[in-house]
Amino acid sequence: MTGHERSPALPACVVNCFHYDGSGERHPLALEAISDVLAADDGGFVWLGLFEPEDTVLDKLQEEFGLHDLAIEDAHKAHQRPKIEAYGNSLFIAVNTAQMVGERIVYGETHAFLGPRFLITVRHGASLSYAPVRARVEREPELLALGASYGLYAVLDQIVDNYLPIAQQFKDTLLLLEKDVFSDTYRRETIVRLYDLKRELTYMRMSVAPLQDVLSQLVRTSSPLIHDQEVRLYLRDVLDHAVRVNDSIDALRDMLGTALSVNLSLVTLQQGETVKKLGAWAALLAAPTLIASWYGMNFRGMPELDARYAYPLLVGVVAVVCGLLYRLFKRARWL
């Protein structure tokens, strides 16, 4: 069977619906036949994938799988916080997904229903298809035999792994911006870009941090739905990846905050240097202006006006004063 095999009777929002029997063989399944297959109890499980399903489809699935009303109500809405809820003999898990579109992160959600012999994934918004996940699981029959809980691990693993290249891309962007941060010239675009990066990382952390709690609960849960110790080991590995992503986000946010502060300090320092230079030149111009202004007051009793060498002497005095001021400011590094 090919990875894209799909029953023509399925609604458009149903990406795929397969029954994996006890031997690991995959069989396309119509929605109406789900309850009959589950009742047969052949040791296999049903894996159903949906994308922004219609209300009528969710109502049908509630009937076929025996899902709780509150779980179906949550799956209707695409604005759930990351969480895990137990409803009778099934678990409802909601997590955020992320994709890079240009230089912005676009978020979506994945809702998963895990039962004794079924796994349902419901995607909303920006979320990559889980067809590659399904294909990878199918290539490993011994892991497929672990049941629906291993399929849940594979889905969560892809969700967490999608965050890793995003964090790395932000890190690379920050390294490139460091040159502009320490540049001698002020660029408004640099500040705007740094702010945008920090904002995106803040939103990203709001998605990853609660995901850690969800994974921790799955690792520690005593639910019989995740009874195999090997599946718990795989879930622990996903939790480790999520912690690493969260640590990377925190480190990048700190670096961005530092970069913003350094850039602001450098701009302030540069402005201070400019003010000092302007002040020094103003003082150099003020000295001859002050001396020359004395001779513009039209006083008669100014003896130096009649002296033979008064003019060249005055020019010399002005030159000496300006020279001393220039040397003083140069030594103080104002010029």
Protein backbone atom coordinates (compact mmCIF):
# COMPACT_ATOMS: atom_id res chain seq x y z
CA MET A 1 0.00 0.00 0.00
CA THR A 2 1.26 3.46 -0.74
CA GLY A 3 1.63 6.18 1.91
CA HIS A 4 -1.10 8.23 0.19
CA GLU A 5 -3.74 5.47 -0.05
CA ARG A 6 -7.07 6.82 1.11
CA SER A 7 -10.63 5.63 1.06
CA PRO A 8 -12.71 7.65 -1.45
CA ALA A 9 -15.66 7.56 0.95
CA LEU A 10 -13.88 9.72 3.54
CA PRO A 11 -14.84 13.41 3.95
CA ALA A 12 -12.34 15.99 2.73
CA CYS A 13 -11.29 16.95 6.28
CA VAL A 14 -10.24 13.34 6.99
CA VAL A 15 -6.63 13.07 5.82
CA ASN A 16 -6.47 9.31 6.36
CA CYS A 17 -8.08 6.56 8.40
CA PHE A 18 -6.34 3.19 8.74
CA HIS A 19 -6.69 0.09 10.81
CA TYR A 20 -3.46 -1.66 11.76
CA ASP A 21 -4.16 -5.30 12.62
CA GLY A 22 -2.19 -7.43 15.05
CA SER A 23 0.37 -8.34 12.38
CA GLY A 24 1.05 -4.69 11.48
CA GLU A 25 -0.81 -4.75 8.18
CA ARG A 26 -2.59 -1.52 7.24
CA HIS A 27 -6.15 -1.43 5.96
CA PRO A 28 -8.12 1.65 4.79
CA LEU A 29 -11.16 2.18 6.93
CA ALA A 30 -14.47 4.01 6.48
CA LEU A 31 -15.75 6.06 9.40
CA GLU A 32 -18.89 3.95 9.68
CA ALA A 33 -16.82 0.79 10.20
CA ILE A 34 -14.65 2.08 13.06
CA SER A 35 -16.84 0.88 15.92
CA ASP A 36 -17.09 -2.61 14.35
CA VAL A 37 -13.31 -2.87 14.00
CA LEU A 38 -12.76 -1.73 17.58
CA ALA A 39 -15.30 -4.28 18.82
CA ALA A 40 -13.44 -7.09 17.02
CA ASP A 41 -10.38 -6.64 19.30
CA ASP A 42 -7.80 -8.21 16.98
CA GLY A 43 -4.84 -6.72 18.84
CA GLY A 44 -4.47 -3.82 16.41
CA PHE A 45 -5.50 -0.17 16.56
CA VAL A 46 -7.08 2.58 14.45
CA TRP A 47 -5.10 5.68 13.46
CA LEU A 48 -7.19 8.57 12.17
CA GLY A 49 -5.88 11.93 10.96
CA LEU A 50 -8.03 15.06 10.57
CA PHE A 51 -7.39 18.62 9.43
CA GLU A 52 -9.80 21.31 10.64
CA PRO A 53 -12.72 18.85 10.75
CA GLU A 54 -16.35 19.78 10.30
CA ASP A 55 -18.71 19.54 13.24
CA THR A 56 -20.62 16.68 11.66
CA VAL A 57 -17.40 14.64 11.32
CA LEU A 58 -16.48 15.18 14.96
CA ASP A 59 -19.99 14.20 16.01
CA LYS A 60 -19.65 11.03 13.96
CA LEU A 61 -16.29 10.24 15.56
CA GLN A 62 -17.77 10.77 19.01
CA GLU A 63 -20.33 8.16 18.19
CA GLU A 64 -17.84 5.68 16.71
CA PHE A 65 -15.11 6.02 19.37
CA GLY A 66 -17.30 6.84 22.36
CA LEU A 67 -15.50 10.10 23.08
CA HIS A 68 -16.48 12.44 25.91
CA ASP A 69 -18.58 15.53 25.18
CA LEU A 70 -16.01 17.90 26.73
CA ALA A 71 -13.19 16.41 24.67
CA ILE A 72 -15.17 16.88 21.46
CA GLU A 73 -16.04 20.42 22.50
CA ASP A 74 -12.31 21.19 22.94
CA ALA A 75 -11.49 19.66 19.57
CA HIS A 76 -14.03 21.97 17.92
CA LYS A 77 -12.03 25.01 19.03
CA ALA A 78 -8.56 25.88 17.74
CA HIS A 79 -7.57 28.07 20.70
CA GLN A 80 -6.76 25.58 23.43
CA ARG A 81 -3.85 25.93 25.80
CA PRO A 82 -1.40 22.99 25.84
CA LYS A 83 -2.87 20.46 28.24
CA ILE A 84 -3.67 16.81 28.89
CA GLU A 85 -7.03 15.64 30.17
CA ALA A 86 -8.28 12.17 31.05
CA TYR A 87 -11.85 11.32 30.00
CA GLY A 88 -12.80 7.81 31.07
CA ASN A 89 -10.73 5.35 29.06
CA SER A 90 -9.17 7.97 26.76
CA LEU A 91 -6.75 10.89 26.96
CA PHE A 92 -7.14 14.26 25.26
CA ILE A 93 -3.89 16.11 24.52
CA ALA A 94 -3.65 19.64 23.08
CA VAL A 95 -0.30 21.09 21.97
CA ASN A 96 0.85 24.03 19.87
CA THR A 97 2.67 23.55 16.56
CA ALA A 98 4.91 26.06 14.78
CA GLN A 99 6.16 26.77 11.27
CA MET A 100 8.46 29.46 9.88
CA VAL A 101 6.81 31.59 7.20
CA GLY A 102 9.37 34.11 6.00
CA GLU A 103 10.86 35.57 9.16
CA ARG A 104 7.77 35.02 11.33
CA ILE A 105 6.54 32.01 13.27
CA VAL A 106 3.00 30.91 12.44
CA TYR A 107 1.31 28.78 15.09
CA GLY A 108 -1.25 26.04 14.89
CA GLU A 109 -2.59 23.33 17.16
CA THR A 110 -2.76 19.57 17.25
CA HIS A 111 -5.36 17.80 19.37
CA ALA A 112 -4.86 14.09 19.99
CA PHE A 113 -7.26 11.47 21.34
CA LEU A 114 -5.53 8.38 22.71
CA GLY A 115 -7.61 5.33 23.51
CA PRO A 116 -6.85 1.67 24.23
CA ARG A 117 -6.94 0.85 20.52
CA PHE A 118 -7.09 4.14 18.68
CA LEU A 119 -5.22 7.38 18.02
CA ILE A 120 -6.92 10.45 16.53
CA THR A 121 -4.93 13.55 15.55
CA VAL A 122 -6.78 16.79 14.77
CA ARG A 123 -4.73 19.58 13.16
CA HIS A 124 -5.71 23.24 13.15
CA GLY A 125 -3.90 26.12 11.45
CA ALA A 126 -0.18 25.99 10.70
CA SER A 127 0.77 22.36 11.15
CA LEU A 128 2.78 20.00 8.98
CA SER A 129 1.20 16.77 7.83
CA TYR A 130 1.85 13.69 9.94
CA ALA A 131 2.01 11.42 6.88
CA PRO A 132 5.84 11.18 7.17
CA VAL A 133 5.40 10.21 10.83
CA ARG A 134 2.99 7.46 9.90
CA ALA A 135 5.32 6.24 7.15
CA ARG A 136 8.27 6.12 9.57
CA VAL A 137 6.27 4.13 12.11
CA GLU A 138 5.09 1.70 9.45
CA ARG A 139 8.71 0.98 8.49
CA GLU A 140 9.35 -0.29 12.03
CA PRO A 141 6.86 -3.16 12.63
CA GLU A 142 8.31 -4.01 16.03
CA LEU A 143 7.56 -0.46 17.21
CA LEU A 144 4.19 -0.37 15.47
CA ALA A 145 3.32 -3.40 17.61
CA LEU A 146 3.56 -1.15 20.68
CA GLY A 147 0.17 0.24 19.68
CA ALA A 148 -1.47 3.64 19.54
CA SER A 149 0.71 5.09 22.33
CA TYR A 150 3.79 4.73 20.13
CA GLY A 151 1.97 6.59 17.34
CA LEU A 152 1.29 9.39 19.84
CA TYR A 153 5.00 9.50 20.69
CA ALA A 154 5.91 9.78 16.99
CA VAL A 155 3.51 12.71 16.51
CA LEU A 156 4.77 14.55 19.60
CA ASP A 157 8.35 13.89 18.53
CA GLN A 158 7.78 15.62 15.18
CA ILE A 159 6.06 18.57 16.87
CA VAL A 160 8.99 19.13 19.24
CA ASP A 161 11.61 18.54 16.54
CA ASN A 162 9.99 21.25 14.40
CA TYR A 163 10.91 23.78 17.09
CA LEU A 164 14.63 22.92 16.94
CA PRO A 165 15.42 24.41 13.48
CA ILE A 166 13.36 27.51 14.36
CA ALA A 167 15.49 28.10 17.46
CA GLN A 168 18.66 27.50 15.42
CA GLN A 169 17.51 29.96 12.73
CA PHE A 170 16.92 32.61 15.38
CA LYS A 171 20.38 31.95 16.80
CA ASP A 172 21.97 32.39 13.37
CA THR A 173 20.03 35.62 12.82
CA LEU A 174 21.21 36.97 16.17
CA LEU A 175 24.84 36.21 15.30
CA LEU A 176 24.44 38.16 12.07
CA LEU A 177 22.86 41.10 13.88
CA GLU A 178 25.75 41.31 16.34
CA LYS A 179 27.81 43.11 13.68
CA ASP A 180 25.13 45.80 13.41
CA VAL A 181 24.81 45.99 17.21
CA PHE A 182 28.48 46.96 17.57
CA SER A 183 28.53 49.15 14.49
CA ASP A 184 29.67 52.78 14.85
CA THR A 185 26.56 54.01 13.03
CA TYR A 186 23.07 53.82 14.52
CA ARG A 187 20.57 51.83 12.47
CA ARG A 188 16.92 51.84 13.49
CA GLU A 189 16.36 48.63 11.51
CA THR A 190 18.68 46.77 13.88
CA ILE A 191 16.62 47.72 16.94
CA VAL A 192 13.38 46.79 15.18
CA ARG A 193 14.79 43.41 14.14
CA LEU A 194 16.07 42.66 17.63
CA TYR A 195 12.68 43.54 19.10
CA ASP A 196 10.89 41.35 16.55
CA LEU A 197 13.15 38.41 17.40
CA LYS A 198 12.56 38.79 21.12
CA ARG A 199 8.80 39.03 20.59
CA GLU A 200 8.79 35.87 18.45
CA LEU A 201 10.86 34.00 21.04
CA THR A 202 8.49 35.09 23.81
CA TYR A 203 5.51 33.69 21.91
CA MET A 204 7.49 30.55 21.15
CA ARG A 205 8.28 30.04 24.82
CA MET A 206 4.57 30.36 25.64
CA SER A 207 4.05 27.30 23.42
CA VAL A 208 7.07 25.21 24.44
CA ALA A 209 7.01 25.69 28.22
CA PRO A 210 3.48 24.21 28.69
CA LEU A 211 4.42 21.43 26.26
CA GLN A 212 7.05 20.33 28.78
CA ASP A 213 4.33 19.93 31.41
CA VAL A 214 2.23 17.83 29.03
CA LEU A 215 5.16 15.54 28.23
CA SER A 216 6.09 15.25 31.90
CA GLN A 217 2.57 14.13 32.75
CA LEU A 218 2.67 11.55 29.94
CA VAL A 219 5.98 10.18 31.22
CA ARG A 220 4.77 9.97 34.83
CA THR A 221 1.14 9.00 34.20
CA SER A 222 -0.18 5.76 35.60
CA SER A 223 -2.75 5.51 32.82
CA PRO A 224 -3.04 2.02 31.33
CA LEU A 225 -3.13 3.68 27.89
CA ILE A 226 0.67 4.12 28.15
CA HIS A 227 1.49 0.85 29.80
CA ASP A 228 4.58 -0.13 27.85
CA GLN A 229 7.82 0.95 29.54
CA GLU A 230 9.54 1.30 26.18
CA VAL A 231 7.00 3.93 25.07
CA ARG A 232 7.71 5.86 28.26
CA LEU A 233 11.41 5.83 27.37
CA TYR A 234 10.61 7.33 23.96
CA LEU A 235 8.36 9.96 25.56
CA ARG A 236 11.16 10.81 27.99
CA ASP A 237 13.42 11.44 24.99
CA VAL A 238 10.84 13.86 23.53
CA LEU A 239 10.66 15.59 26.92
CA ASP A 240 14.44 15.97 26.87
CA HIS A 241 14.23 17.61 23.43
CA ALA A 242 11.51 19.96 24.65
CA VAL A 243 13.65 20.97 27.64
CA ARG A 244 16.57 21.62 25.31
CA VAL A 245 14.41 23.81 23.05
CA ASN A 246 13.09 25.73 26.05
CA ASP A 247 16.63 26.26 27.38
CA SER A 248 17.71 27.52 23.95
CA ILE A 249 14.79 29.95 23.87
CA ASP A 250 15.66 31.28 27.34
CA ALA A 251 19.32 31.71 26.37
CA LEU A 252 18.41 33.50 23.14
CA ARG A 253 15.96 35.80 24.94
CA ASP A 254 18.69 36.73 27.42
CA MET A 255 21.15 37.35 24.59
CA LEU A 256 18.61 39.49 22.75
CA GLY A 257 17.89 41.50 25.88
CA THR A 258 21.62 42.02 26.34
CA ALA A 259 22.02 42.98 22.68
CA LEU A 260 19.27 45.59 22.99
CA SER A 261 20.87 47.03 26.13
CA VAL A 262 24.34 47.08 24.56
CA ASN A 263 23.04 48.73 21.41
CA LEU A 264 21.24 51.39 23.46
CA SER A 265 24.37 51.98 25.55
CA LEU A 266 26.56 52.30 22.47
CA VAL A 267 24.13 54.74 20.87
CA THR A 268 24.03 56.80 24.08
CA LEU A 269 27.83 56.71 24.30
CA GLN A 270 28.16 57.79 20.69
CA GLN A 271 25.75 60.65 21.24
CA GLY A 272 27.75 61.69 24.31
CA GLU A 273 30.94 61.73 22.27
CA THR A 274 29.25 63.90 19.68
CA VAL A 275 28.01 66.31 22.36
CA LYS A 276 31.52 66.54 23.84
CA LYS A 277 33.01 67.39 20.45
CA LEU A 278 30.37 70.02 19.82
CA GLY A 279 30.99 71.47 23.29
CA ALA A 280 34.74 71.59 22.71
CA TRP A 281 34.40 73.35 19.36
CA ALA A 282 31.88 75.75 20.87
CA ALA A 283 34.40 76.64 23.59
CA LEU A 284 37.13 77.19 20.97
CA LEU A 285 34.86 79.57 19.09
CA ALA A 286 33.66 81.29 22.25
CA ALA A 287 37.15 82.42 23.33
CA PRO A 288 37.94 84.64 20.29
CA THR A 289 34.31 85.74 20.16
CA LEU A 290 34.50 86.96 23.76
CA ILE A 291 37.80 88.79 23.20
CA ALA A 292 36.63 90.37 19.96
CA SER A 293 33.37 91.50 21.58
CA TRP A 294 35.29 93.74 23.98
CA TYR A 295 36.37 95.87 21.06
CA GLY A 296 32.86 96.29 19.80
CA MET A 297 31.67 98.29 22.82
CA ASN A 298 32.97 101.64 21.46
CA PHE A 299 34.69 102.71 24.72
CA ARG A 300 37.13 105.57 24.38
CA GLY A 301 39.29 104.71 27.38
CA MET A 302 40.88 101.58 25.91
CA PRO A 303 44.65 102.31 25.88
CA GLU A 304 45.54 99.34 23.74
CA LEU A 305 43.63 100.84 20.83
CA ASP A 306 46.36 103.44 20.31
CA ALA A 307 49.32 101.09 20.76
CA ARG A 308 51.37 100.40 17.67
CA TYR A 309 51.43 96.61 17.98
CA ALA A 310 48.02 96.19 19.63
CA TYR A 311 46.42 94.36 16.72
CA PRO A 312 49.10 91.72 16.12
CA LEU A 313 49.42 91.29 19.89
CA LEU A 314 45.66 90.69 20.15
CA VAL A 315 45.81 88.14 17.35
CA GLY A 316 48.65 86.39 19.16
CA VAL A 317 46.73 86.29 22.43
CA VAL A 318 43.68 84.82 20.68
CA ALA A 319 45.86 82.20 18.98
CA VAL A 320 47.54 81.24 22.27
CA VAL A 321 44.20 80.95 24.10
CA CYS A 322 42.71 78.83 21.31
CA GLY A 323 45.84 76.67 21.20
CA LEU A 324 45.74 76.06 24.95
CA LEU A 325 42.04 75.17 24.82
CA TYR A 326 42.61 72.82 21.88
CA ARG A 327 45.45 71.07 23.70
CA LEU A 328 43.32 70.78 26.85
CA PHE A 329 40.35 69.29 25.01
CA LYS A 330 42.62 66.96 23.02
CA ARG A 331 44.18 65.64 26.21
CA ALA A 332 40.70 65.13 27.68
CA ARG A 333 39.73 63.29 24.45
CA TRP A 334 36.95 65.69 23.66
CA LEU A 335 38.46 66.25 20.22
